[in-house]
Protein backbone atom coordinates (compact mmCIF):
# COMPACT_ATOMS: atom_id res chain seq x y z
CA MET A 1 123.37 11.36 109.87
CA ASP A 2 121.96 9.02 107.26
CA LYS A 3 119.47 9.45 104.42
CA ALA A 4 116.67 7.66 106.29
CA ARG A 5 116.96 10.08 109.22
CA ILE A 6 116.97 13.09 106.88
CA ASN A 7 113.82 11.81 105.16
CA SER A 8 112.24 11.36 108.60
CA ILE A 9 113.12 14.96 109.51
CA LEU A 10 111.79 16.30 106.20
CA SER A 11 108.46 14.50 106.64
CA ASN A 12 108.08 15.56 110.28
CA ASP A 13 106.04 18.66 111.18
CA GLU A 14 107.93 19.42 114.39
CA LYS A 15 111.14 21.46 114.52
CA ILE A 16 114.26 19.33 114.72
CA ASP A 17 117.61 21.05 115.20
CA VAL A 18 120.17 19.95 112.63
CA PHE A 19 123.75 21.19 112.52
CA TYR A 20 126.65 21.38 110.09
CA GLN A 21 130.04 22.43 111.47
CA ASP A 22 128.39 23.76 114.66
CA ARG A 23 126.01 25.96 112.64
CA SER A 24 122.27 25.45 112.68
CA VAL A 25 120.85 24.56 109.26
CA TRP A 26 117.56 23.67 107.64
CA ILE A 27 117.52 20.91 105.06
CA GLN A 28 116.10 22.01 101.71
CA GLY A 29 116.49 18.71 99.90
CA VAL A 30 118.54 15.58 99.52
CA SER A 31 120.01 13.72 96.57
CA ASN A 32 122.17 10.59 96.93
CA HIS A 33 124.77 11.49 99.58
CA ILE A 34 124.39 15.27 99.29
CA ALA A 35 121.98 17.55 101.16
CA LYS A 36 121.22 21.13 100.18
CA VAL A 37 121.10 23.16 103.37
CA GLY A 38 120.38 26.74 104.28
CA PHE A 39 122.12 28.30 107.25
CA ILE A 40 119.77 29.69 109.90
CA ASP A 41 122.07 32.60 110.79
CA THR A 42 122.64 33.84 107.21
CA PHE A 43 121.14 33.57 103.75
CA GLU A 44 123.89 31.17 102.66
CA GLU A 45 123.08 27.86 101.03
CA GLU A 46 125.48 24.98 100.54
CA ASP A 47 125.58 21.40 99.29
CA VAL A 48 127.06 19.21 102.03
CA LEU A 49 127.64 15.52 102.63
CA ILE A 50 124.79 13.87 104.53
CA ASP A 51 127.36 12.24 106.84
CA ASP A 52 128.48 15.71 107.99
CA LEU A 53 125.03 16.67 109.34
CA TYR A 54 124.18 15.89 112.95
CA GLU A 55 121.73 16.49 115.77
CA LYS A 56 122.85 17.64 119.21
CA LYS A 57 121.59 15.51 122.05
């Protein structure tokens, strides 16, 4: 995923499924090449590389 797509997702009102290592996440914010994500299935938060986020088709 790239920064432009993440910004599009963050500004969109509809739910868009985003994944990191096969786990569903919600994007809390983005800075340079790092995104702060929260995992849907737990209360964990993690800083991850934007390139490691993806959408399932």
